[in-house]
Amino acid sequence: MQRIAPRIGDQRGFTLIEIIMVIVLLGIIAAIAIPKYVDLRSEAQDATAKGLVGSVIASAAIGYADMVAKNTASRFPTARELEETYLRLSGVDYAYDDPRWTVMIGGDKYYITYDSAGGNATYGK
């Protein structure tokens, strides 16, 4: 027992320099990682919006093919026809007086605009 007692009193903790170096290194890592995280977040939001635009375009193509097959018309469906018949976007608001959908993605508001003349869609903030 007497051999253990002197060792316990002889141990030391970290020096102030060592603690400061750890804090500085953590600060450098945080300075690099936080902007990367923000970029990844905005890229993911844009990818989600692009996916919704793809859904609108695919639904417009299905609507066009359906109208041609039924001999009702050879045109792309209007935004209202698209919303009522061919497209069901959950969590997305559609205003019948405006041919665009409004969606909240990660706290940001995106607008998906549909052009029934060509069956194309775009998005923007």
N, C-alpha and C. Protein backbone atom coordinates (compact mmCIF):
# COMPACT_ATOMS: atom_id res chain seq x y z
N MET A 1 0.81 -1.20 0.00
CA MET A 1 0.00 0.00 0.00
C MET A 1 0.86 1.26 0.00
N GLN A 2 1.99 1.17 0.64
CA GLN A 2 2.81 2.37 0.72
C GLN A 2 3.41 2.74 -0.62
N ARG A 3 3.57 1.78 -1.51
CA ARG A 3 4.13 2.07 -2.82
C ARG A 3 3.12 2.83 -3.70
N ILE A 4 1.82 2.59 -3.52
CA ILE A 4 0.79 3.24 -4.33
C ILE A 4 0.59 4.69 -3.91
N ALA A 5 0.66 4.98 -2.65
CA ALA A 5 0.39 6.32 -2.12
C ALA A 5 1.30 7.40 -2.71
N PRO A 6 2.58 7.21 -2.86
CA PRO A 6 3.40 8.28 -3.45
C PRO A 6 3.06 8.55 -4.92
N ARG A 7 2.63 7.54 -5.64
CA ARG A 7 2.29 7.75 -7.04
C ARG A 7 1.04 8.61 -7.20
N ILE A 8 0.06 8.41 -6.34
CA ILE A 8 -1.17 9.18 -6.43
C ILE A 8 -0.89 10.66 -6.20
N GLY A 9 -0.11 11.01 -5.27
CA GLY A 9 0.22 12.40 -5.00
C GLY A 9 1.10 13.01 -6.05
N ASP A 10 1.78 12.19 -6.85
CA ASP A 10 2.72 12.66 -7.85
C ASP A 10 2.05 12.94 -9.20
N GLN A 11 0.80 12.47 -9.41
CA GLN A 11 0.13 12.64 -10.71
C GLN A 11 -0.32 14.08 -10.89
N ARG A 12 -0.29 14.49 -12.14
CA ARG A 12 -0.70 15.85 -12.46
C ARG A 12 -1.82 15.80 -13.51
N GLY A 13 -2.53 16.92 -13.65
CA GLY A 13 -3.57 17.05 -14.68
C GLY A 13 -2.99 17.65 -15.94
N PHE A 14 -3.87 18.14 -16.82
CA PHE A 14 -3.42 18.78 -18.05
C PHE A 14 -2.89 20.17 -17.75
N THR A 15 -1.93 20.60 -18.52
CA THR A 15 -1.41 21.96 -18.37
C THR A 15 -2.35 22.92 -19.09
N LEU A 16 -2.23 24.17 -18.80
CA LEU A 16 -3.07 25.19 -19.43
C LEU A 16 -2.82 25.24 -20.94
N ILE A 17 -1.60 25.06 -21.36
CA ILE A 17 -1.26 25.07 -22.79
C ILE A 17 -1.97 23.91 -23.51
N GLU A 18 -1.97 22.74 -22.91
CA GLU A 18 -2.63 21.59 -23.53
C GLU A 18 -4.14 21.84 -23.68
N ILE A 19 -4.75 22.40 -22.68
CA ILE A 19 -6.19 22.69 -22.75
C ILE A 19 -6.47 23.74 -23.81
N ILE A 20 -5.66 24.77 -23.89
CA ILE A 20 -5.83 25.82 -24.91
C ILE A 20 -5.67 25.23 -26.31
N MET A 21 -4.70 24.34 -26.50
CA MET A 21 -4.49 23.73 -27.82
C MET A 21 -5.71 22.89 -28.23
N VAL A 22 -6.29 22.16 -27.30
CA VAL A 22 -7.49 21.37 -27.61
C VAL A 22 -8.64 22.29 -28.01
N ILE A 23 -8.82 23.38 -27.29
CA ILE A 23 -9.88 24.34 -27.61
C ILE A 23 -9.66 24.97 -28.99
N VAL A 24 -8.43 25.33 -29.29
CA VAL A 24 -8.11 25.91 -30.60
C VAL A 24 -8.38 24.91 -31.72
N LEU A 25 -7.97 23.67 -31.53
CA LEU A 25 -8.21 22.64 -32.55
C LEU A 25 -9.70 22.40 -32.75
N LEU A 26 -10.47 22.36 -31.68
CA LEU A 26 -11.92 22.21 -31.81
C LEU A 26 -12.53 23.39 -32.55
N GLY A 27 -12.03 24.58 -32.30
CA GLY A 27 -12.51 25.77 -33.01
C GLY A 27 -12.22 25.70 -34.49
N ILE A 28 -11.03 25.23 -34.85
CA ILE A 28 -10.67 25.10 -36.27
C ILE A 28 -11.55 24.06 -36.95
N ILE A 29 -11.76 22.94 -36.29
CA ILE A 29 -12.62 21.90 -36.86
C ILE A 29 -14.05 22.42 -37.04
N ALA A 30 -14.56 23.15 -36.05
CA ALA A 30 -15.91 23.71 -36.15
C ALA A 30 -15.99 24.74 -37.28
N ALA A 31 -14.94 25.54 -37.45
CA ALA A 31 -14.94 26.56 -38.51
C ALA A 31 -14.97 25.93 -39.90
N ILE A 32 -14.44 24.73 -40.02
CA ILE A 32 -14.46 24.04 -41.30
C ILE A 32 -15.77 23.28 -41.49
N ALA A 33 -16.25 22.64 -40.43
CA ALA A 33 -17.40 21.74 -40.55
C ALA A 33 -18.74 22.48 -40.69
N ILE A 34 -18.93 23.59 -40.00
CA ILE A 34 -20.23 24.28 -40.01
C ILE A 34 -20.58 24.80 -41.40
N PRO A 35 -19.70 25.47 -42.13
CA PRO A 35 -20.07 25.89 -43.49
C PRO A 35 -20.36 24.71 -44.42
N LYS A 36 -19.64 23.62 -44.26
CA LYS A 36 -19.91 22.44 -45.07
C LYS A 36 -21.31 21.91 -44.79
N TYR A 37 -21.71 21.91 -43.53
CA TYR A 37 -23.04 21.44 -43.15
C TYR A 37 -24.12 22.33 -43.77
N VAL A 38 -23.91 23.64 -43.74
CA VAL A 38 -24.89 24.57 -44.30
C VAL A 38 -25.01 24.35 -45.81
N ASP A 39 -23.87 24.14 -46.50
CA ASP A 39 -23.91 23.88 -47.94
C ASP A 39 -24.66 22.59 -48.24
N LEU A 40 -24.41 21.55 -47.47
CA LEU A 40 -25.10 20.28 -47.69
C LEU A 40 -26.60 20.43 -47.48
N ARG A 41 -26.97 21.23 -46.50
CA ARG A 41 -28.39 21.44 -46.21
C ARG A 41 -29.08 22.13 -47.39
N SER A 42 -28.48 23.19 -47.92
CA SER A 42 -29.11 23.89 -49.05
C SER A 42 -29.11 23.03 -50.31
N GLU A 43 -28.07 22.21 -50.51
CA GLU A 43 -28.05 21.31 -51.65
C GLU A 43 -29.17 20.26 -51.53
N ALA A 44 -29.40 19.79 -50.33
CA ALA A 44 -30.48 18.81 -50.12
C ALA A 44 -31.85 19.44 -50.37
N GLN A 45 -32.02 20.69 -49.96
CA GLN A 45 -33.29 21.38 -50.22
C GLN A 45 -33.51 21.56 -51.72
N ASP A 46 -32.46 21.95 -52.44
CA ASP A 46 -32.59 22.11 -53.89
C ASP A 46 -32.88 20.77 -54.57
N ALA A 47 -32.26 19.71 -54.09
CA ALA A 47 -32.50 18.38 -54.66
C ALA A 47 -33.95 17.96 -54.43
N THR A 48 -34.50 18.29 -53.27
CA THR A 48 -35.90 17.98 -52.98
C THR A 48 -36.81 18.76 -53.93
N ALA A 49 -36.51 20.03 -54.15
CA ALA A 49 -37.31 20.84 -55.07
C ALA A 49 -37.21 20.29 -56.50
N LYS A 50 -36.02 19.87 -56.90
CA LYS A 50 -35.87 19.28 -58.24
C LYS A 50 -36.68 18.00 -58.37
N GLY A 51 -36.74 17.22 -57.31
CA GLY A 51 -37.54 16.00 -57.32
C GLY A 51 -39.02 16.30 -57.48
N LEU A 52 -39.48 17.34 -56.81
CA LEU A 52 -40.89 17.74 -56.96
C LEU A 52 -41.18 18.24 -58.37
N VAL A 53 -40.23 18.98 -58.94
CA VAL A 53 -40.39 19.44 -60.33
C VAL A 53 -40.46 18.23 -61.27
N GLY A 54 -39.63 17.22 -61.01
CA GLY A 54 -39.69 16.01 -61.82
C GLY A 54 -41.04 15.32 -61.71
N SER A 55 -41.62 15.34 -60.52
CA SER A 55 -42.96 14.76 -60.34
C SER A 55 -44.01 15.51 -61.15
N VAL A 56 -43.91 16.82 -61.15
CA VAL A 56 -44.87 17.63 -61.92
C VAL A 56 -44.71 17.35 -63.41
N ILE A 57 -43.48 17.30 -63.90
CA ILE A 57 -43.24 17.05 -65.33
C ILE A 57 -43.72 15.65 -65.73
N ALA A 58 -43.43 14.66 -64.89
CA ALA A 58 -43.88 13.29 -65.18
C ALA A 58 -45.40 13.20 -65.17
N SER A 59 -46.03 13.88 -64.23
CA SER A 59 -47.49 13.88 -64.18
C SER A 59 -48.09 14.58 -65.39
N ALA A 60 -47.43 15.63 -65.86
CA ALA A 60 -47.90 16.32 -67.07
C ALA A 60 -47.79 15.41 -68.28
N ALA A 61 -46.71 14.63 -68.36
CA ALA A 61 -46.56 13.70 -69.48
C ALA A 61 -47.62 12.59 -69.42
N ILE A 62 -47.91 12.11 -68.22
CA ILE A 62 -48.97 11.10 -68.06
C ILE A 62 -50.32 11.69 -68.45
N GLY A 63 -50.57 12.92 -68.02
CA GLY A 63 -51.82 13.58 -68.38
C GLY A 63 -51.95 13.78 -69.87
N TYR A 64 -50.86 14.15 -70.53
CA TYR A 64 -50.88 14.32 -71.98
C TYR A 64 -51.20 12.99 -72.66
N ALA A 65 -50.52 11.94 -72.24
CA ALA A 65 -50.75 10.62 -72.84
C ALA A 65 -52.18 10.15 -72.58
N ASP A 66 -52.69 10.43 -71.39
CA ASP A 66 -54.06 10.04 -71.06
C ASP A 66 -55.07 10.77 -71.93
N MET A 67 -54.86 12.07 -72.14
CA MET A 67 -55.78 12.84 -72.97
C MET A 67 -55.74 12.38 -74.42
N VAL A 68 -54.54 12.08 -74.91
CA VAL A 68 -54.42 11.60 -76.29
C VAL A 68 -55.08 10.22 -76.43
N ALA A 69 -54.86 9.35 -75.45
CA ALA A 69 -55.44 8.00 -75.51
C ALA A 69 -56.97 8.03 -75.46
N LYS A 70 -57.51 8.96 -74.71
CA LYS A 70 -58.97 9.07 -74.60
C LYS A 70 -59.58 9.93 -75.71
N ASN A 71 -58.74 10.45 -76.59
CA ASN A 71 -59.17 11.31 -77.69
C ASN A 71 -59.91 12.55 -77.20
N THR A 72 -59.59 13.02 -76.01
CA THR A 72 -60.24 14.25 -75.52
C THR A 72 -59.50 15.48 -76.01
N ALA A 73 -58.19 15.42 -76.09
CA ALA A 73 -57.39 16.55 -76.56
C ALA A 73 -55.96 16.08 -76.75
N SER A 74 -55.21 16.82 -77.53
CA SER A 74 -53.78 16.52 -77.66
C SER A 74 -53.00 17.71 -77.13
N ARG A 75 -53.13 17.90 -75.85
CA ARG A 75 -52.44 19.00 -75.17
C ARG A 75 -52.06 18.54 -73.76
N PHE A 76 -51.19 19.30 -73.15
CA PHE A 76 -50.86 19.02 -71.76
C PHE A 76 -51.98 19.52 -70.86
N PRO A 77 -52.19 18.86 -69.73
CA PRO A 77 -53.25 19.32 -68.83
C PRO A 77 -52.90 20.67 -68.22
N THR A 78 -53.93 21.43 -67.90
CA THR A 78 -53.70 22.69 -67.20
C THR A 78 -53.22 22.38 -65.78
N ALA A 79 -52.75 23.40 -65.10
CA ALA A 79 -52.28 23.19 -63.72
C ALA A 79 -53.42 22.70 -62.84
N ARG A 80 -54.60 23.21 -63.06
CA ARG A 80 -55.75 22.78 -62.26
C ARG A 80 -56.10 21.31 -62.55
N GLU A 81 -56.12 20.94 -63.83
CA GLU A 81 -56.38 19.53 -64.18
C GLU A 81 -55.29 18.62 -63.62
N LEU A 82 -54.07 19.11 -63.67
CA LEU A 82 -52.95 18.33 -63.14
C LEU A 82 -53.12 18.09 -61.66
N GLU A 83 -53.47 19.12 -60.93
CA GLU A 83 -53.65 19.02 -59.48
C GLU A 83 -54.84 18.14 -59.12
N GLU A 84 -55.92 18.26 -59.87
CA GLU A 84 -57.14 17.52 -59.52
C GLU A 84 -57.10 16.06 -59.94
N THR A 85 -56.37 15.74 -60.99
CA THR A 85 -56.46 14.40 -61.56
C THR A 85 -55.16 13.60 -61.48
N TYR A 86 -54.06 14.17 -61.90
CA TYR A 86 -52.85 13.40 -62.13
C TYR A 86 -51.78 13.54 -61.05
N LEU A 87 -51.89 14.52 -60.21
CA LEU A 87 -50.80 14.83 -59.30
C LEU A 87 -51.32 15.02 -57.88
N ARG A 88 -50.70 14.36 -56.95
CA ARG A 88 -51.03 14.54 -55.52
C ARG A 88 -49.73 14.74 -54.77
N LEU A 89 -49.38 15.97 -54.53
CA LEU A 89 -48.18 16.29 -53.77
C LEU A 89 -48.58 16.52 -52.32
N SER A 90 -48.09 15.69 -51.43
CA SER A 90 -48.46 15.86 -50.02
C SER A 90 -47.61 16.95 -49.39
N GLY A 91 -48.24 17.75 -48.55
CA GLY A 91 -47.54 18.84 -47.87
C GLY A 91 -47.26 20.03 -48.76
N VAL A 92 -47.92 20.10 -49.91
CA VAL A 92 -47.68 21.18 -50.87
C VAL A 92 -48.99 21.91 -51.07
N ASP A 93 -48.94 23.23 -51.01
CA ASP A 93 -50.13 24.05 -51.21
C ASP A 93 -50.24 24.47 -52.67
N TYR A 94 -51.45 24.39 -53.18
CA TYR A 94 -51.72 24.80 -54.56
C TYR A 94 -52.80 25.85 -54.55
N ALA A 95 -52.55 26.97 -55.23
CA ALA A 95 -53.54 28.04 -55.35
C ALA A 95 -54.15 27.94 -56.75
N TYR A 96 -55.48 27.78 -56.83
CA TYR A 96 -56.13 27.56 -58.12
C TYR A 96 -56.10 28.79 -59.02
N ASP A 97 -55.85 29.96 -58.46
CA ASP A 97 -55.79 31.14 -59.30
C ASP A 97 -54.38 31.40 -59.83
N ASP A 98 -53.42 30.58 -59.42
CA ASP A 98 -52.04 30.77 -59.82
C ASP A 98 -51.46 29.39 -60.17
N PRO A 99 -50.91 29.21 -61.38
CA PRO A 99 -50.42 27.88 -61.75
C PRO A 99 -49.08 27.52 -61.11
N ARG A 100 -49.04 27.57 -59.80
CA ARG A 100 -47.81 27.16 -59.11
C ARG A 100 -48.14 26.57 -57.75
N TRP A 101 -47.23 25.75 -57.30
CA TRP A 101 -47.36 25.10 -56.00
C TRP A 101 -46.36 25.75 -55.05
N THR A 102 -46.75 25.84 -53.79
CA THR A 102 -45.88 26.39 -52.76
C THR A 102 -45.55 25.26 -51.78
N VAL A 103 -44.27 25.10 -51.51
CA VAL A 103 -43.84 24.03 -50.60
C VAL A 103 -42.77 24.58 -49.65
N MET A 104 -42.87 24.15 -48.41
CA MET A 104 -41.84 24.50 -47.42
C MET A 104 -40.84 23.35 -47.36
N ILE A 105 -39.60 23.63 -47.67
CA ILE A 105 -38.54 22.63 -47.63
C ILE A 105 -37.47 23.13 -46.68
N GLY A 106 -37.35 22.47 -45.55
CA GLY A 106 -36.32 22.84 -44.58
C GLY A 106 -36.46 24.25 -44.05
N GLY A 107 -37.67 24.74 -43.96
CA GLY A 107 -37.90 26.09 -43.45
C GLY A 107 -37.88 27.17 -44.52
N ASP A 108 -37.52 26.83 -45.75
CA ASP A 108 -37.51 27.79 -46.86
C ASP A 108 -38.71 27.53 -47.76
N LYS A 109 -39.27 28.61 -48.29
CA LYS A 109 -40.44 28.50 -49.17
C LYS A 109 -39.96 28.41 -50.62
N TYR A 110 -40.40 27.36 -51.29
CA TYR A 110 -40.09 27.15 -52.70
C TYR A 110 -41.39 27.24 -53.50
N TYR A 111 -41.26 27.75 -54.73
CA TYR A 111 -42.40 27.83 -55.64
C TYR A 111 -42.11 26.96 -56.86
N ILE A 112 -43.04 26.08 -57.17
CA ILE A 112 -42.92 25.24 -58.36
C ILE A 112 -43.94 25.76 -59.36
N THR A 113 -43.45 26.26 -60.48
CA THR A 113 -44.29 26.87 -61.50
C THR A 113 -44.42 25.91 -62.68
N TYR A 114 -45.64 25.74 -63.14
CA TYR A 114 -45.94 24.81 -64.23
C TYR A 114 -46.37 25.58 -65.46
N ASP A 115 -45.83 25.17 -66.61
CA ASP A 115 -46.19 25.77 -67.90
C ASP A 115 -46.96 24.73 -68.70
N SER A 116 -48.26 24.91 -68.82
CA SER A 116 -49.09 23.90 -69.49
C SER A 116 -48.90 23.92 -71.01
N ALA A 117 -48.30 24.95 -71.55
CA ALA A 117 -48.09 24.99 -73.00
C ALA A 117 -47.08 23.93 -73.44
N GLY A 118 -46.05 23.73 -72.64
CA GLY A 118 -45.03 22.75 -73.01
C GLY A 118 -44.91 21.60 -72.03
N GLY A 119 -45.70 21.61 -70.96
CA GLY A 119 -45.61 20.56 -69.97
C GLY A 119 -44.36 20.61 -69.12
N ASN A 120 -43.79 21.79 -69.01
CA ASN A 120 -42.55 21.93 -68.26
C ASN A 120 -42.81 22.60 -66.91
N ALA A 121 -41.88 22.44 -66.00
CA ALA A 121 -42.00 23.05 -64.66
C ALA A 121 -40.63 23.52 -64.21
N THR A 122 -40.65 24.55 -63.39
CA THR A 122 -39.43 25.10 -62.81
C THR A 122 -39.66 25.37 -61.33
N TYR A 123 -38.58 25.62 -60.61
CA TYR A 123 -38.73 25.97 -59.20
C TYR A 123 -37.88 27.18 -58.88
N GLY A 124 -38.25 27.86 -57.82
CA GLY A 124 -37.49 29.01 -57.34
C GLY A 124 -37.88 29.29 -55.89
N LYS A 125 -37.10 30.13 -55.27
CA LYS A 125 -37.36 30.49 -53.87
C LYS A 125 -38.19 31.74 -53.81
